[in-house]
Structure formats: C-alpha cells, structure tokens
Amino acid sequence: MARLLIVHHTPPPATAELFDAVVNDACHPDVTGVEVVRRAAPAATATDLPAADDARNACSEVPPVLAAAIMDDAG
C-alpha cells in the first residue's frame, strides 16, 4: 500500500479548508491502495518523510515562518 504524507500548518480558515479538501480527495472511496497520514507540522518527525511514498505540504506561511513555528513548538 502506498503512503501519502500530508504535513500541515493550518491556522488560517482558508488553509484549513484547503487541507480538508486535500484529505477528503485523498480518502475518497474511489482512491484505493493509499494510506493517508496527516501530521501537524510541529508533530512531524524525521522518520515521517522517508516512510512515505509521496508527501504534500499544506501551509499558508513562507518556509522560514513555518520553520520558526516548528522550532518554537519543539522547545
């Protein structure tokens, strides 16, 4: 079974709607043989990406802002 990793950081409502749409499409009954793994950006680990066959990012922030948010949550 293929594994799709979706890493998200979805505070703005529009980004949350986009994330929900991606997850709903990936989990549609017509899509078979795919395990959908969802991780909030601060909870994603270094082992999540190599374990996935494909990955998507749902984030409204620019990468440096997202990296700072992850670092803040990591302590």
Protein backbone atom coordinates (compact mmCIF):
# COMPACT_ATOMS: atom_id res chain seq x y z
CA MET A 1 0.00 0.00 0.00
CA ALA A 2 1.31 3.45 -0.90
CA ARG A 3 1.66 6.01 1.87
CA LEU A 4 0.80 9.70 1.32
CA LEU A 5 2.12 12.07 3.98
CA ILE A 6 0.34 15.42 4.34
CA VAL A 7 2.15 17.86 6.62
CA HIS A 8 0.05 20.86 7.54
CA HIS A 9 0.06 24.07 9.47
CA THR A 10 -3.48 25.38 9.17
CA PRO A 11 -4.28 28.34 11.45
CA PRO A 12 -5.97 30.48 8.76
CA PRO A 13 -9.50 29.25 7.91
CA ALA A 14 -8.80 29.21 4.17
CA THR A 15 -5.74 26.98 4.68
CA ALA A 16 -7.75 24.65 6.90
CA GLU A 17 -10.37 24.39 4.14
CA LEU A 18 -7.65 23.58 1.60
CA PHE A 19 -6.20 20.91 3.90
CA ASP A 20 -9.66 19.37 4.42
CA ALA A 21 -10.24 19.28 0.65
CA VAL A 22 -6.90 17.53 0.03
CA VAL A 23 -7.60 14.95 2.74
CA ASN A 24 -11.17 14.37 1.52
CA ASP A 25 -9.95 13.80 -2.05
CA ALA A 26 -7.13 11.50 -0.92
CA CYS A 27 -9.56 9.48 1.22
CA HIS A 28 -12.29 9.30 -1.45
CA PRO A 29 -13.77 5.80 -1.81
CA ASP A 30 -12.61 5.63 -5.44
CA VAL A 31 -8.98 6.02 -4.30
CA THR A 32 -7.67 2.62 -3.29
CA GLY A 33 -4.32 1.34 -2.12
CA VAL A 34 -3.30 4.60 -0.44
CA GLU A 35 -2.76 5.16 3.27
CA VAL A 36 -3.16 8.85 4.09
CA VAL A 37 -1.02 10.05 7.00
CA ARG A 38 -1.70 13.52 8.39
CA ARG A 39 0.82 15.34 10.56
CA ALA A 40 0.65 18.82 12.01
CA ALA A 41 3.96 20.48 11.18
CA PRO A 42 5.18 20.60 14.80
CA ALA A 43 4.39 16.89 15.21
CA ALA A 44 6.09 15.71 12.01
CA THR A 45 9.32 13.82 12.62
CA ALA A 46 12.42 12.99 10.63
CA THR A 47 11.13 9.45 10.12
CA ASP A 48 7.80 10.52 8.61
CA LEU A 49 9.19 11.60 5.23
CA PRO A 50 11.33 8.55 4.39
CA ALA A 51 8.41 6.30 5.40
CA ALA A 52 6.15 7.99 2.82
CA ASP A 53 5.91 7.26 -0.88
CA ASP A 54 4.78 10.84 -1.55
CA ALA A 55 4.35 13.98 0.52
CA ARG A 56 2.38 17.21 0.34
CA ASN A 57 2.63 20.40 2.35
CA ALA A 58 -0.45 22.45 3.32
CA CYS A 59 0.85 25.69 4.73
CA SER A 60 -0.01 29.33 4.19
CA GLU A 61 3.22 30.61 5.71
CA VAL A 62 6.51 31.05 3.91
CA PRO A 63 9.09 28.34 4.79
CA PRO A 64 11.15 30.46 7.26
CA VAL A 65 8.00 31.33 9.22
CA LEU A 66 6.94 27.68 9.29
CA ALA A 67 10.42 26.63 10.41
CA ALA A 68 10.28 29.17 13.24
CA ALA A 69 6.86 27.85 14.32
CA ILE A 70 8.22 24.30 14.41
CA MET A 71 11.28 25.39 16.41
CA ASP A 72 9.08 27.29 18.90
CA ASP A 73 6.89 24.23 19.44
CA ALA A 74 9.94 21.95 19.74
CA GLY A 75 11.14 23.93 22.71
